[in-house]
Structure formats: C-alpha cells, structure tokens
N, C-alpha and C. Protein backbone atom coordinates (compact mmCIF):
# COMPACT_ATOMS: atom_id res chain seq x y z
N UNK A 1 22.13 -38.07 87.81
CA UNK A 1 22.30 -38.67 86.49
C UNK A 1 23.35 -39.78 86.54
N UNK A 2 23.01 -40.94 86.02
CA UNK A 2 23.92 -42.08 86.06
C UNK A 2 25.06 -41.89 85.06
N UNK A 3 26.29 -42.19 85.50
CA UNK A 3 27.43 -42.08 84.61
C UNK A 3 27.33 -43.12 83.50
N UNK A 4 27.68 -42.69 82.28
CA UNK A 4 27.66 -43.60 81.14
C UNK A 4 28.93 -44.43 81.15
N UNK A 5 28.77 -45.74 81.06
CA UNK A 5 29.93 -46.63 81.04
C UNK A 5 30.59 -46.58 79.67
N UNK A 6 31.89 -46.34 79.64
CA UNK A 6 32.63 -46.26 78.39
C UNK A 6 33.45 -47.53 78.19
N UNK A 7 33.28 -48.18 77.07
CA UNK A 7 34.07 -49.36 76.76
C UNK A 7 33.63 -50.60 77.52
N UNK A 8 34.56 -51.52 77.67
CA UNK A 8 34.28 -52.79 78.34
C UNK A 8 35.36 -53.08 79.37
N UNK A 9 35.02 -53.90 80.34
CA UNK A 9 35.96 -54.26 81.38
C UNK A 9 36.86 -55.41 80.95
N UNK A 10 37.59 -55.98 81.89
CA UNK A 10 38.46 -57.11 81.58
C UNK A 10 37.70 -58.24 80.90
N UNK A 11 38.38 -58.91 79.96
CA UNK A 11 37.76 -60.02 79.24
C UNK A 11 37.70 -61.25 80.14
N UNK A 12 36.55 -61.92 80.19
CA UNK A 12 36.48 -63.13 81.02
C UNK A 12 37.41 -64.22 80.48
N UNK A 13 37.96 -65.00 81.38
CA UNK A 13 38.83 -66.10 80.98
C UNK A 13 37.99 -67.34 80.66
N UNK A 14 38.50 -68.18 79.76
CA UNK A 14 39.81 -68.14 79.10
C UNK A 14 39.87 -67.07 78.01
N UNK A 15 41.02 -66.41 77.87
CA UNK A 15 41.20 -65.37 76.88
C UNK A 15 41.37 -65.97 75.48
N UNK A 16 40.91 -65.24 74.46
CA UNK A 16 41.16 -65.70 73.09
C UNK A 16 42.65 -65.71 72.79
N UNK A 17 43.10 -66.66 71.99
CA UNK A 17 44.53 -66.83 71.75
C UNK A 17 45.01 -66.18 70.46
N UNK A 18 44.10 -65.66 69.66
CA UNK A 18 44.49 -65.03 68.39
C UNK A 18 45.44 -63.86 68.64
N UNK A 19 46.44 -63.71 67.79
CA UNK A 19 47.47 -62.67 67.97
C UNK A 19 46.93 -61.26 67.78
N UNK A 20 45.73 -61.11 67.24
CA UNK A 20 45.17 -59.77 67.06
C UNK A 20 44.76 -59.14 68.39
N UNK A 21 44.66 -59.94 69.43
CA UNK A 21 44.23 -59.41 70.72
C UNK A 21 45.41 -58.88 71.53
N UNK A 22 45.15 -57.81 72.26
CA UNK A 22 46.15 -57.17 73.11
C UNK A 22 46.00 -57.69 74.53
N UNK A 23 47.07 -58.29 75.06
CA UNK A 23 47.01 -58.92 76.37
C UNK A 23 46.68 -57.92 77.49
N UNK A 24 47.21 -56.72 77.39
CA UNK A 24 46.94 -55.71 78.42
C UNK A 24 45.48 -55.31 78.42
N UNK A 25 44.90 -55.17 77.22
CA UNK A 25 43.48 -54.82 77.13
C UNK A 25 42.60 -55.95 77.64
N UNK A 26 42.97 -57.17 77.32
CA UNK A 26 42.21 -58.32 77.82
C UNK A 26 42.20 -58.32 79.35
N UNK A 27 43.31 -57.96 79.94
CA UNK A 27 43.44 -58.00 81.39
C UNK A 27 42.76 -56.82 82.07
N UNK A 28 42.90 -55.62 81.49
CA UNK A 28 42.44 -54.41 82.17
C UNK A 28 41.16 -53.80 81.62
N UNK A 29 40.74 -54.26 80.46
CA UNK A 29 39.56 -53.68 79.84
C UNK A 29 39.93 -52.75 78.70
N UNK A 30 38.94 -52.40 77.88
CA UNK A 30 39.18 -51.59 76.68
C UNK A 30 38.21 -50.41 76.66
N UNK A 31 38.73 -49.20 76.92
CA UNK A 31 37.89 -48.00 76.94
C UNK A 31 38.12 -47.12 75.71
N UNK A 32 38.76 -47.67 74.68
CA UNK A 32 39.00 -46.89 73.46
C UNK A 32 37.70 -46.61 72.71
N UNK A 33 37.72 -45.59 71.88
CA UNK A 33 36.56 -45.24 71.06
C UNK A 33 36.62 -46.05 69.76
N UNK A 34 36.28 -47.33 69.88
CA UNK A 34 36.29 -48.23 68.72
C UNK A 34 34.97 -49.00 68.66
N UNK A 35 34.67 -49.52 67.48
CA UNK A 35 33.49 -50.37 67.32
C UNK A 35 33.63 -51.61 68.19
N UNK A 36 32.50 -52.19 68.56
CA UNK A 36 32.52 -53.37 69.41
C UNK A 36 33.31 -54.51 68.79
N UNK A 37 33.28 -54.64 67.46
CA UNK A 37 34.01 -55.73 66.80
C UNK A 37 35.52 -55.64 67.03
N UNK A 38 36.02 -54.43 67.36
CA UNK A 38 37.45 -54.24 67.57
C UNK A 38 37.87 -54.22 69.04
N UNK A 39 36.94 -54.53 69.93
CA UNK A 39 37.29 -54.55 71.35
C UNK A 39 38.41 -55.56 71.62
N UNK A 40 39.38 -55.10 72.35
CA UNK A 40 40.55 -55.89 72.78
C UNK A 40 41.56 -56.14 71.65
N UNK A 41 41.28 -55.67 70.44
CA UNK A 41 42.25 -55.85 69.34
C UNK A 41 43.41 -54.89 69.53
N UNK A 42 44.60 -55.28 69.06
CA UNK A 42 45.71 -54.33 69.07
C UNK A 42 45.57 -53.37 67.89
N UNK A 43 46.25 -52.24 67.93
CA UNK A 43 46.09 -51.19 66.92
C UNK A 43 46.45 -51.67 65.52
N UNK A 44 47.52 -52.42 65.39
CA UNK A 44 47.94 -52.90 64.07
C UNK A 44 46.89 -53.81 63.44
N UNK A 45 46.27 -54.64 64.26
CA UNK A 45 45.24 -55.55 63.75
C UNK A 45 44.02 -54.77 63.25
N UNK A 46 43.66 -53.71 63.98
CA UNK A 46 42.54 -52.87 63.55
C UNK A 46 42.86 -52.22 62.21
N UNK A 47 44.06 -51.67 62.09
CA UNK A 47 44.47 -51.00 60.86
C UNK A 47 44.46 -51.97 59.68
N UNK A 48 44.99 -53.16 59.88
CA UNK A 48 45.02 -54.16 58.80
C UNK A 48 43.62 -54.55 58.36
N UNK A 49 42.70 -54.63 59.31
CA UNK A 49 41.32 -54.97 58.97
C UNK A 49 40.66 -53.84 58.19
N UNK A 50 40.90 -52.60 58.61
CA UNK A 50 40.34 -51.45 57.89
C UNK A 50 40.91 -51.36 56.48
N UNK A 51 42.18 -51.73 56.31
CA UNK A 51 42.81 -51.67 55.00
C UNK A 51 42.10 -52.54 53.96
N UNK A 52 41.37 -53.53 54.41
CA UNK A 52 40.66 -54.43 53.50
C UNK A 52 39.44 -53.77 52.85
N UNK A 53 38.95 -52.70 53.44
CA UNK A 53 37.68 -52.13 52.97
C UNK A 53 37.71 -50.61 52.78
N UNK A 54 38.90 -50.02 52.70
CA UNK A 54 38.98 -48.57 52.59
C UNK A 54 38.41 -48.07 51.26
N UNK A 55 37.82 -46.86 51.31
CA UNK A 55 37.32 -46.21 50.10
C UNK A 55 38.48 -45.55 49.36
N UNK A 56 38.35 -45.43 48.05
CA UNK A 56 39.41 -44.83 47.24
C UNK A 56 39.32 -43.30 47.28
N UNK A 57 39.35 -42.77 48.47
CA UNK A 57 39.33 -41.33 48.70
C UNK A 57 40.56 -40.96 49.51
N UNK A 58 41.24 -39.89 49.10
CA UNK A 58 42.38 -39.38 49.85
C UNK A 58 42.02 -38.02 50.43
N UNK A 59 42.65 -37.68 51.55
CA UNK A 59 42.47 -36.40 52.21
C UNK A 59 43.85 -35.76 52.38
N UNK A 60 43.93 -34.45 52.20
CA UNK A 60 45.19 -33.74 52.41
C UNK A 60 44.98 -32.54 53.31
N UNK A 61 45.99 -32.26 54.13
CA UNK A 61 45.94 -31.14 55.07
C UNK A 61 47.20 -30.30 54.89
N UNK A 62 47.01 -29.02 54.63
CA UNK A 62 48.15 -28.10 54.62
C UNK A 62 48.49 -27.77 56.08
N UNK A 63 49.61 -28.25 56.53
CA UNK A 63 49.96 -28.16 57.96
C UNK A 63 51.11 -27.18 58.16
N UNK A 64 50.82 -25.89 58.04
CA UNK A 64 51.87 -24.88 58.20
C UNK A 64 51.86 -24.26 59.59
N UNK A 65 50.75 -24.36 60.32
CA UNK A 65 50.62 -23.65 61.60
C UNK A 65 50.34 -24.56 62.79
N UNK A 66 50.53 -25.87 62.64
CA UNK A 66 50.26 -26.79 63.74
C UNK A 66 48.81 -26.62 64.22
N UNK A 67 47.89 -26.55 63.28
CA UNK A 67 46.48 -26.29 63.55
C UNK A 67 45.85 -27.45 64.33
N UNK A 68 45.13 -27.12 65.39
CA UNK A 68 44.44 -28.15 66.17
C UNK A 68 43.48 -28.95 65.31
N UNK A 69 42.88 -28.31 64.30
CA UNK A 69 41.87 -28.97 63.49
C UNK A 69 42.42 -30.11 62.65
N UNK A 70 43.74 -30.17 62.46
CA UNK A 70 44.32 -31.27 61.70
C UNK A 70 43.95 -32.61 62.32
N UNK A 71 43.98 -32.68 63.64
CA UNK A 71 43.60 -33.91 64.32
C UNK A 71 42.15 -34.27 64.09
N UNK A 72 41.28 -33.27 64.08
CA UNK A 72 39.86 -33.51 63.82
C UNK A 72 39.65 -34.06 62.41
N UNK A 73 40.39 -33.52 61.45
CA UNK A 73 40.27 -33.99 60.07
C UNK A 73 40.72 -35.45 59.98
N UNK A 74 41.79 -35.81 60.68
CA UNK A 74 42.25 -37.20 60.69
C UNK A 74 41.18 -38.10 61.30
N UNK A 75 40.56 -37.64 62.38
CA UNK A 75 39.50 -38.44 63.00
C UNK A 75 38.34 -38.63 62.04
N UNK A 76 37.96 -37.59 61.31
CA UNK A 76 36.90 -37.72 60.31
C UNK A 76 37.30 -38.70 59.21
N UNK A 77 38.56 -38.64 58.80
CA UNK A 77 39.05 -39.55 57.76
C UNK A 77 38.94 -40.99 58.22
N UNK A 78 39.17 -41.23 59.50
CA UNK A 78 39.00 -42.58 60.04
C UNK A 78 37.54 -42.99 60.02
N UNK A 79 36.66 -42.07 60.39
CA UNK A 79 35.22 -42.37 60.43
C UNK A 79 34.70 -42.77 59.05
N UNK A 80 35.27 -42.16 58.00
CA UNK A 80 34.83 -42.47 56.63
C UNK A 80 35.79 -43.45 55.94
N UNK A 81 36.73 -43.99 56.68
CA UNK A 81 37.64 -45.03 56.22
C UNK A 81 38.31 -44.70 54.89
N UNK A 82 38.88 -43.51 54.79
CA UNK A 82 39.57 -43.10 53.57
C UNK A 82 40.90 -43.85 53.45
N UNK A 83 41.43 -43.92 52.24
CA UNK A 83 42.63 -44.71 51.99
C UNK A 83 43.89 -44.09 52.60
N UNK A 84 44.07 -42.78 52.35
CA UNK A 84 45.31 -42.13 52.77
C UNK A 84 45.02 -40.71 53.24
N UNK A 85 45.73 -40.28 54.27
CA UNK A 85 45.73 -38.88 54.69
C UNK A 85 47.12 -38.32 54.40
N UNK A 86 47.17 -37.22 53.64
CA UNK A 86 48.42 -36.57 53.29
C UNK A 86 48.62 -35.34 54.18
N UNK A 87 49.77 -35.25 54.81
CA UNK A 87 50.12 -34.08 55.61
C UNK A 87 51.17 -33.30 54.83
N UNK A 88 50.86 -32.06 54.49
CA UNK A 88 51.76 -31.23 53.68
C UNK A 88 52.37 -30.16 54.56
N UNK A 89 53.70 -30.10 54.58
CA UNK A 89 54.37 -29.10 55.41
C UNK A 89 55.01 -29.75 56.62
N UNK A 90 54.69 -29.23 57.80
CA UNK A 90 55.27 -29.76 59.03
C UNK A 90 54.85 -31.20 59.25
N UNK A 91 55.82 -32.03 59.55
CA UNK A 91 55.53 -33.45 59.77
C UNK A 91 54.70 -33.66 61.03
N UNK A 92 54.99 -32.87 62.06
CA UNK A 92 54.27 -33.00 63.32
C UNK A 92 53.03 -32.11 63.29
N UNK A 93 51.89 -32.71 63.56
CA UNK A 93 50.65 -31.95 63.62
C UNK A 93 50.00 -32.18 64.98
N UNK A 94 49.02 -31.36 65.30
CA UNK A 94 48.35 -31.47 66.59
C UNK A 94 47.44 -32.70 66.60
N UNK A 95 47.86 -33.75 67.28
CA UNK A 95 47.14 -35.02 67.25
C UNK A 95 46.01 -35.12 68.27
N UNK A 96 45.87 -34.15 69.13
CA UNK A 96 44.86 -34.27 70.19
C UNK A 96 43.46 -34.50 69.64
N UNK A 97 43.12 -33.78 68.59
CA UNK A 97 41.79 -33.92 68.01
C UNK A 97 41.56 -35.25 67.32
N UNK A 98 42.64 -35.96 67.00
CA UNK A 98 42.52 -37.25 66.31
C UNK A 98 42.02 -38.35 67.25
N UNK A 99 42.15 -38.14 68.56
CA UNK A 99 41.67 -39.12 69.54
C UNK A 99 42.23 -40.52 69.26
N UNK A 100 43.51 -40.57 68.91
CA UNK A 100 44.26 -41.80 68.68
C UNK A 100 43.88 -42.51 67.38
N UNK A 101 42.94 -41.96 66.60
CA UNK A 101 42.53 -42.62 65.36
C UNK A 101 43.65 -42.62 64.31
N UNK A 102 44.66 -41.75 64.48
CA UNK A 102 45.77 -41.76 63.54
C UNK A 102 46.50 -43.10 63.55
N UNK A 103 46.37 -43.87 64.63
CA UNK A 103 47.00 -45.18 64.73
C UNK A 103 46.44 -46.16 63.70
N UNK A 104 45.21 -45.88 63.23
CA UNK A 104 44.54 -46.80 62.33
C UNK A 104 44.56 -46.31 60.87
N UNK A 105 45.29 -45.21 60.61
CA UNK A 105 45.26 -44.59 59.29
C UNK A 105 46.58 -44.76 58.55
N UNK A 106 46.51 -44.66 57.22
CA UNK A 106 47.70 -44.59 56.39
C UNK A 106 48.01 -43.11 56.17
N UNK A 107 49.09 -42.63 56.76
CA UNK A 107 49.43 -41.21 56.70
C UNK A 107 50.73 -41.03 55.93
N UNK A 108 50.69 -40.14 54.95
CA UNK A 108 51.86 -39.87 54.11
C UNK A 108 52.24 -38.41 54.26
N UNK A 109 53.54 -38.15 54.39
CA UNK A 109 54.03 -36.79 54.63
C UNK A 109 54.70 -36.24 53.37
N UNK A 110 54.46 -34.94 53.13
CA UNK A 110 55.05 -34.24 51.99
C UNK A 110 55.68 -32.94 52.49
N UNK A 111 56.96 -32.74 52.28
CA UNK A 111 57.61 -31.52 52.77
C UNK A 111 57.14 -30.26 52.05
N UNK A 112 56.71 -30.41 50.79
CA UNK A 112 56.31 -29.24 50.00
C UNK A 112 55.03 -29.55 49.22
N UNK A 113 54.38 -28.48 48.77
CA UNK A 113 53.21 -28.63 47.91
C UNK A 113 53.60 -29.30 46.60
N UNK A 114 54.78 -28.94 46.07
CA UNK A 114 55.24 -29.51 44.81
C UNK A 114 55.38 -31.03 44.90
N UNK A 115 55.90 -31.49 46.02
CA UNK A 115 56.05 -32.93 46.23
C UNK A 115 54.68 -33.61 46.27
N UNK A 116 53.74 -32.99 46.96
CA UNK A 116 52.38 -33.53 47.05
C UNK A 116 51.72 -33.58 45.67
N UNK A 117 51.80 -32.48 44.92
CA UNK A 117 51.16 -32.41 43.61
C UNK A 117 51.75 -33.46 42.67
N UNK A 118 53.06 -33.62 42.67
CA UNK A 118 53.69 -34.63 41.82
C UNK A 118 53.19 -36.02 42.16
N UNK A 119 53.03 -36.30 43.44
CA UNK A 119 52.53 -37.60 43.88
C UNK A 119 51.10 -37.83 43.36
N UNK A 120 50.26 -36.79 43.43
CA UNK A 120 48.88 -36.92 42.97
C UNK A 120 48.82 -37.08 41.45
N UNK A 121 49.68 -36.38 40.72
CA UNK A 121 49.70 -36.50 39.26
C UNK A 121 50.12 -37.91 38.84
N UNK A 122 51.10 -38.47 39.53
CA UNK A 122 51.54 -39.82 39.21
C UNK A 122 50.43 -40.85 39.49
N UNK A 123 49.63 -40.56 40.48
CA UNK A 123 48.50 -41.44 40.84
C UNK A 123 47.27 -41.15 39.98
N UNK A 124 47.35 -40.14 39.11
CA UNK A 124 46.22 -39.71 38.27
C UNK A 124 44.99 -39.41 39.13
N UNK A 125 45.25 -38.69 40.21
CA UNK A 125 44.20 -38.35 41.17
C UNK A 125 43.92 -36.85 41.11
N UNK A 126 42.65 -36.48 40.93
CA UNK A 126 42.28 -35.06 40.85
C UNK A 126 42.42 -34.38 42.21
N UNK A 127 42.91 -33.16 42.19
CA UNK A 127 43.07 -32.38 43.41
C UNK A 127 41.87 -31.46 43.56
N UNK A 128 41.07 -31.71 44.58
CA UNK A 128 39.87 -30.92 44.84
C UNK A 128 40.08 -30.16 46.15
N UNK A 129 40.31 -28.87 46.05
CA UNK A 129 40.56 -28.04 47.23
C UNK A 129 39.25 -27.48 47.77
N UNK A 130 39.23 -27.20 49.06
CA UNK A 130 38.00 -26.73 49.71
C UNK A 130 38.27 -25.38 50.37
N UNK A 131 37.60 -24.35 49.89
CA UNK A 131 37.76 -23.01 50.46
C UNK A 131 36.70 -22.10 49.85
N UNK A 132 36.45 -20.98 50.52
CA UNK A 132 35.49 -20.00 50.02
C UNK A 132 36.26 -18.92 49.27
N UNK A 133 36.25 -19.02 47.94
CA UNK A 133 36.98 -18.10 47.08
C UNK A 133 36.08 -17.68 45.92
N UNK A 134 36.40 -16.57 45.24
CA UNK A 134 35.54 -16.11 44.16
C UNK A 134 35.29 -17.15 43.06
N UNK A 135 36.25 -18.02 42.83
CA UNK A 135 36.10 -19.03 41.77
C UNK A 135 35.64 -20.39 42.29
N UNK A 136 35.22 -20.45 43.56
CA UNK A 136 34.80 -21.73 44.14
C UNK A 136 33.47 -22.20 43.56
N UNK A 137 33.37 -23.51 43.35
CA UNK A 137 32.12 -24.12 42.90
C UNK A 137 31.26 -24.49 44.10
N UNK A 138 29.95 -24.40 43.94
CA UNK A 138 29.05 -24.77 45.03
C UNK A 138 29.02 -26.28 45.18
N UNK A 139 29.16 -26.74 46.41
CA UNK A 139 29.16 -28.18 46.65
C UNK A 139 27.87 -28.84 46.16
N UNK A 140 26.73 -28.19 46.37
CA UNK A 140 25.45 -28.78 46.00
C UNK A 140 25.31 -28.97 44.49
N UNK A 141 26.14 -28.26 43.72
CA UNK A 141 26.04 -28.33 42.25
C UNK A 141 27.23 -29.06 41.63
N UNK A 142 28.04 -29.71 42.47
CA UNK A 142 29.29 -30.30 41.99
C UNK A 142 29.31 -31.81 42.15
N UNK A 143 29.71 -32.49 41.07
CA UNK A 143 29.94 -33.93 41.12
C UNK A 143 31.40 -34.13 41.53
N UNK A 144 31.62 -34.71 42.68
CA UNK A 144 32.98 -34.95 43.13
C UNK A 144 33.60 -36.10 42.34
N UNK A 145 34.84 -35.95 41.90
CA UNK A 145 35.49 -37.04 41.15
C UNK A 145 35.60 -38.30 42.00
N UNK A 146 35.42 -39.44 41.37
CA UNK A 146 35.54 -40.70 42.11
C UNK A 146 36.95 -40.90 42.64
N UNK A 147 37.93 -40.52 41.82
CA UNK A 147 39.33 -40.66 42.24
C UNK A 147 39.89 -39.28 42.49
N UNK A 148 39.85 -38.86 43.74
CA UNK A 148 40.30 -37.50 44.05
C UNK A 148 40.94 -37.44 45.43
N UNK A 149 41.56 -36.32 45.69
CA UNK A 149 42.06 -35.99 47.02
C UNK A 149 41.40 -34.68 47.42
N UNK A 150 40.79 -34.64 48.58
CA UNK A 150 40.17 -33.43 49.10
C UNK A 150 41.20 -32.71 49.97
N UNK A 151 41.46 -31.44 49.66
CA UNK A 151 42.52 -30.69 50.33
C UNK A 151 41.92 -29.60 51.21
N UNK A 152 42.40 -29.55 52.46
CA UNK A 152 41.92 -28.56 53.42
C UNK A 152 43.09 -27.73 53.94
N UNK A 153 42.85 -26.42 54.06
CA UNK A 153 43.86 -25.51 54.58
C UNK A 153 43.71 -25.34 56.07
N UNK A 154 44.45 -24.38 56.62
CA UNK A 154 44.39 -24.12 58.05
C UNK A 154 43.19 -23.28 58.42
N UNK A 155 42.79 -23.35 59.67
CA UNK A 155 41.71 -22.52 60.18
C UNK A 155 42.15 -21.06 60.12
N UNK A 156 41.37 -20.24 59.45
CA UNK A 156 41.73 -18.82 59.31
C UNK A 156 42.32 -18.52 57.96
N UNK A 157 43.59 -18.88 57.71
CA UNK A 157 44.21 -18.53 56.43
C UNK A 157 43.68 -19.32 55.25
N UNK A 158 43.12 -20.49 55.50
CA UNK A 158 42.61 -21.30 54.40
C UNK A 158 43.73 -21.88 53.55
N UNK A 159 43.44 -22.08 52.27
CA UNK A 159 44.41 -22.67 51.36
C UNK A 159 45.48 -21.66 50.96
N UNK A 160 46.70 -22.14 50.79
CA UNK A 160 47.77 -21.29 50.28
C UNK A 160 47.52 -20.97 48.80
N UNK A 161 48.11 -19.90 48.32
CA UNK A 161 47.97 -19.55 46.91
C UNK A 161 48.53 -20.64 46.00
N UNK A 162 49.61 -21.26 46.43
CA UNK A 162 50.20 -22.33 45.63
C UNK A 162 49.24 -23.51 45.48
N UNK A 163 48.54 -23.85 46.56
CA UNK A 163 47.58 -24.95 46.48
C UNK A 163 46.38 -24.57 45.64
N UNK A 164 45.95 -23.33 45.74
CA UNK A 164 44.84 -22.87 44.91
C UNK A 164 45.17 -23.03 43.42
N UNK A 165 46.38 -22.69 43.05
CA UNK A 165 46.80 -22.79 41.66
C UNK A 165 46.94 -24.24 41.22
N UNK A 166 47.34 -25.12 42.14
CA UNK A 166 47.55 -26.53 41.80
C UNK A 166 46.25 -27.31 41.69
N UNK A 167 45.18 -26.81 42.32
CA UNK A 167 43.92 -27.56 42.38
C UNK A 167 43.25 -27.65 41.01
N UNK A 168 42.66 -28.80 40.75
CA UNK A 168 41.86 -28.98 39.52
C UNK A 168 40.53 -28.27 39.65
N UNK A 169 40.02 -28.19 40.86
CA UNK A 169 38.81 -27.42 41.14
C UNK A 169 38.80 -27.05 42.61
N UNK A 170 38.10 -25.97 42.93
CA UNK A 170 37.95 -25.52 44.31
C UNK A 170 36.46 -25.48 44.63
N UNK A 171 36.11 -26.06 45.76
CA UNK A 171 34.71 -26.19 46.15
C UNK A 171 34.45 -25.46 47.46
N UNK A 172 33.25 -24.90 47.56
CA UNK A 172 32.83 -24.25 48.80
C UNK A 172 31.53 -24.88 49.30
N UNK A 173 31.33 -24.83 50.62
CA UNK A 173 30.08 -25.26 51.22
C UNK A 173 29.20 -24.03 51.37
N UNK A 174 28.03 -24.05 50.76
CA UNK A 174 27.14 -22.89 50.88
C UNK A 174 26.68 -22.72 52.33
N UNK A 175 26.64 -21.47 52.78
CA UNK A 175 26.24 -21.16 54.15
C UNK A 175 25.21 -20.04 54.16
N UNK A 176 24.48 -19.94 55.27
CA UNK A 176 23.30 -19.07 55.27
C UNK A 176 23.19 -18.18 56.50
N UNK A 177 24.22 -18.17 57.33
CA UNK A 177 24.20 -17.31 58.51
C UNK A 177 25.15 -16.15 58.35
N UNK A 178 25.60 -15.60 59.47
CA UNK A 178 26.45 -14.41 59.43
C UNK A 178 27.94 -14.73 59.38
N UNK A 179 28.33 -15.95 59.79
CA UNK A 179 29.75 -16.28 59.80
C UNK A 179 30.24 -16.54 58.38
N UNK A 180 31.51 -16.20 58.15
CA UNK A 180 32.06 -16.34 56.80
C UNK A 180 32.28 -17.80 56.44
N UNK A 181 32.64 -18.63 57.42
CA UNK A 181 32.96 -20.02 57.10
C UNK A 181 32.73 -20.91 58.30
N UNK A 182 32.49 -22.19 58.03
CA UNK A 182 32.41 -23.16 59.11
C UNK A 182 33.83 -23.60 59.48
N UNK A 183 33.97 -24.16 60.65
CA UNK A 183 35.26 -24.70 61.09
C UNK A 183 35.77 -25.71 60.07
N UNK A 184 37.09 -25.70 59.81
CA UNK A 184 37.64 -26.57 58.78
C UNK A 184 37.47 -28.05 59.14
N UNK A 185 37.46 -28.37 60.43
CA UNK A 185 37.19 -29.74 60.83
C UNK A 185 35.77 -30.16 60.45
N UNK A 186 34.81 -29.26 60.66
CA UNK A 186 33.43 -29.51 60.27
C UNK A 186 33.33 -29.65 58.75
N UNK A 187 33.99 -28.74 58.04
CA UNK A 187 33.97 -28.77 56.57
C UNK A 187 34.48 -30.10 56.03
N UNK A 188 35.53 -30.62 56.65
CA UNK A 188 36.09 -31.89 56.18
C UNK A 188 35.07 -33.02 56.31
N UNK A 189 34.33 -33.03 57.41
CA UNK A 189 33.31 -34.06 57.59
C UNK A 189 32.20 -33.96 56.56
N UNK A 190 31.79 -32.73 56.25
CA UNK A 190 30.74 -32.51 55.25
C UNK A 190 31.20 -33.02 53.88
N UNK A 191 32.43 -32.67 53.50
CA UNK A 191 32.93 -33.08 52.18
C UNK A 191 33.12 -34.59 52.09
N UNK A 192 33.66 -35.20 53.14
CA UNK A 192 33.85 -36.65 53.10
C UNK A 192 32.52 -37.37 53.00
N UNK A 193 31.53 -36.91 53.77
CA UNK A 193 30.22 -37.55 53.69
C UNK A 193 29.63 -37.39 52.30
N UNK A 194 29.78 -36.22 51.71
CA UNK A 194 29.22 -36.00 50.39
C UNK A 194 29.87 -36.90 49.35
N UNK A 195 31.18 -37.10 49.46
CA UNK A 195 31.85 -38.02 48.53
C UNK A 195 31.29 -39.43 48.71
N UNK A 196 31.15 -39.86 49.95
CA UNK A 196 30.60 -41.19 50.23
C UNK A 196 29.18 -41.29 49.73
N UNK A 197 28.40 -40.24 49.91
CA UNK A 197 27.01 -40.26 49.44
C UNK A 197 26.95 -40.42 47.93
N UNK A 198 27.81 -39.69 47.22
CA UNK A 198 27.79 -39.73 45.76
C UNK A 198 28.32 -41.04 45.19
N UNK A 199 29.32 -41.63 45.83
CA UNK A 199 30.01 -42.77 45.22
C UNK A 199 29.80 -44.12 45.91
N UNK A 200 29.40 -44.10 47.17
CA UNK A 200 29.22 -45.37 47.90
C UNK A 200 27.75 -45.63 48.23
N UNK A 201 27.04 -44.60 48.67
CA UNK A 201 25.65 -44.77 49.09
C UNK A 201 24.65 -44.58 47.97
N UNK A 202 25.09 -44.23 46.78
CA UNK A 202 24.18 -43.96 45.67
C UNK A 202 23.36 -45.21 45.34
N UNK A 203 22.09 -44.98 45.03
CA UNK A 203 21.21 -46.06 44.59
C UNK A 203 21.02 -47.14 45.60
C-alpha cells in the first residue's frame, strides 16, 4: 500500500513576500492539518482570517479533571469555526486532542461557573447544556437558540450540578444501542453540526 503524502513540501522560489507566510514552512514544507488555502501561512494569520467569518456560536467545557476530550471539543470548534471556546475550571487542559487547532481559536478562561454564567448573562447568550438527564430535551425536537453557548461536561461525570442549575435548557442526543452515552467529544460535534444546520445551512 502506497503511503499517503501529508501536506506539501518546500515552496518553490521565489517565495511570496507577504508577512502572512512563515519562512520556516516555506523552506521546509507544511505538513499541518490545514486547508490548502492556509498552506505556509503563520498561525496568527490563519486565526485573523478565520476571525472574519466565525459563526456566532460559543462552546464551553467544564474542565475539572483534565479530560482528554477537551482537546477534541476544541478541534471540533475549529472545524465549525465557532467564535469563542470557554474553559471553565482548570486553565490547563489536555491539548493533545486539539491537534494544534487551539492556535487558531479564541479561548477564554473562567475560574468558576459563576464567572462564566455572569459573562454569558452580560452577553445575553443562552446557556444550553448537553447531558442525559431526566429533564433533558430531545435534540431532534429542539430549536437551538441562534445566540447560545453549548456547554459540555467531562467524560463520565457529565455536567456539574451547578451548571445544570445555571442552564437555560439541557439537551440530550437520542441513542438506540446499549451504551448510556456517546463520547463527549462525539457529542460536541453532533451539537455543533446541528446548530450550523439550523442557522447556517437552512434553506
């Protein structure tokens, strides 16, 4: 089986002179997981370009256990070009799953749930938590608010009781097998796509 070539090699000379290009990447090649339009660009230039077209969706992660899935959620947030990712609790999260996409995101840290909730109230943004609870609404029957923040808990414990109480609504993804829940990283991708489907891809 032939190996799949990842990325591009050194840029042929003469090199472009625009400051958005990274000299080291031009010289050695670019094997990052980025769209072709961003080949050889430096990280700041990519982030600034994404900032021009971000969707008005925020994502929040309760980061109490240094969950590996936090990185996956950040990577999903990059894929759907959300405006802001909020990290609640520990400032340091497991970035391995993010695959360096955190470099292109706007990330805001909150030491407590109270700080996060106050920030969302000032922004007049609805808090939509995601978990399987007795009072959870079915995703298939729910209209997601256009201006909202989707909140995800840790793998296993789910949302804290404080976050459950702070949420304007709690949503669950209906499932049909034997497992109680899908991986929280998977759940985040499903919810982000559904928001995009309802508000960006409609009609």
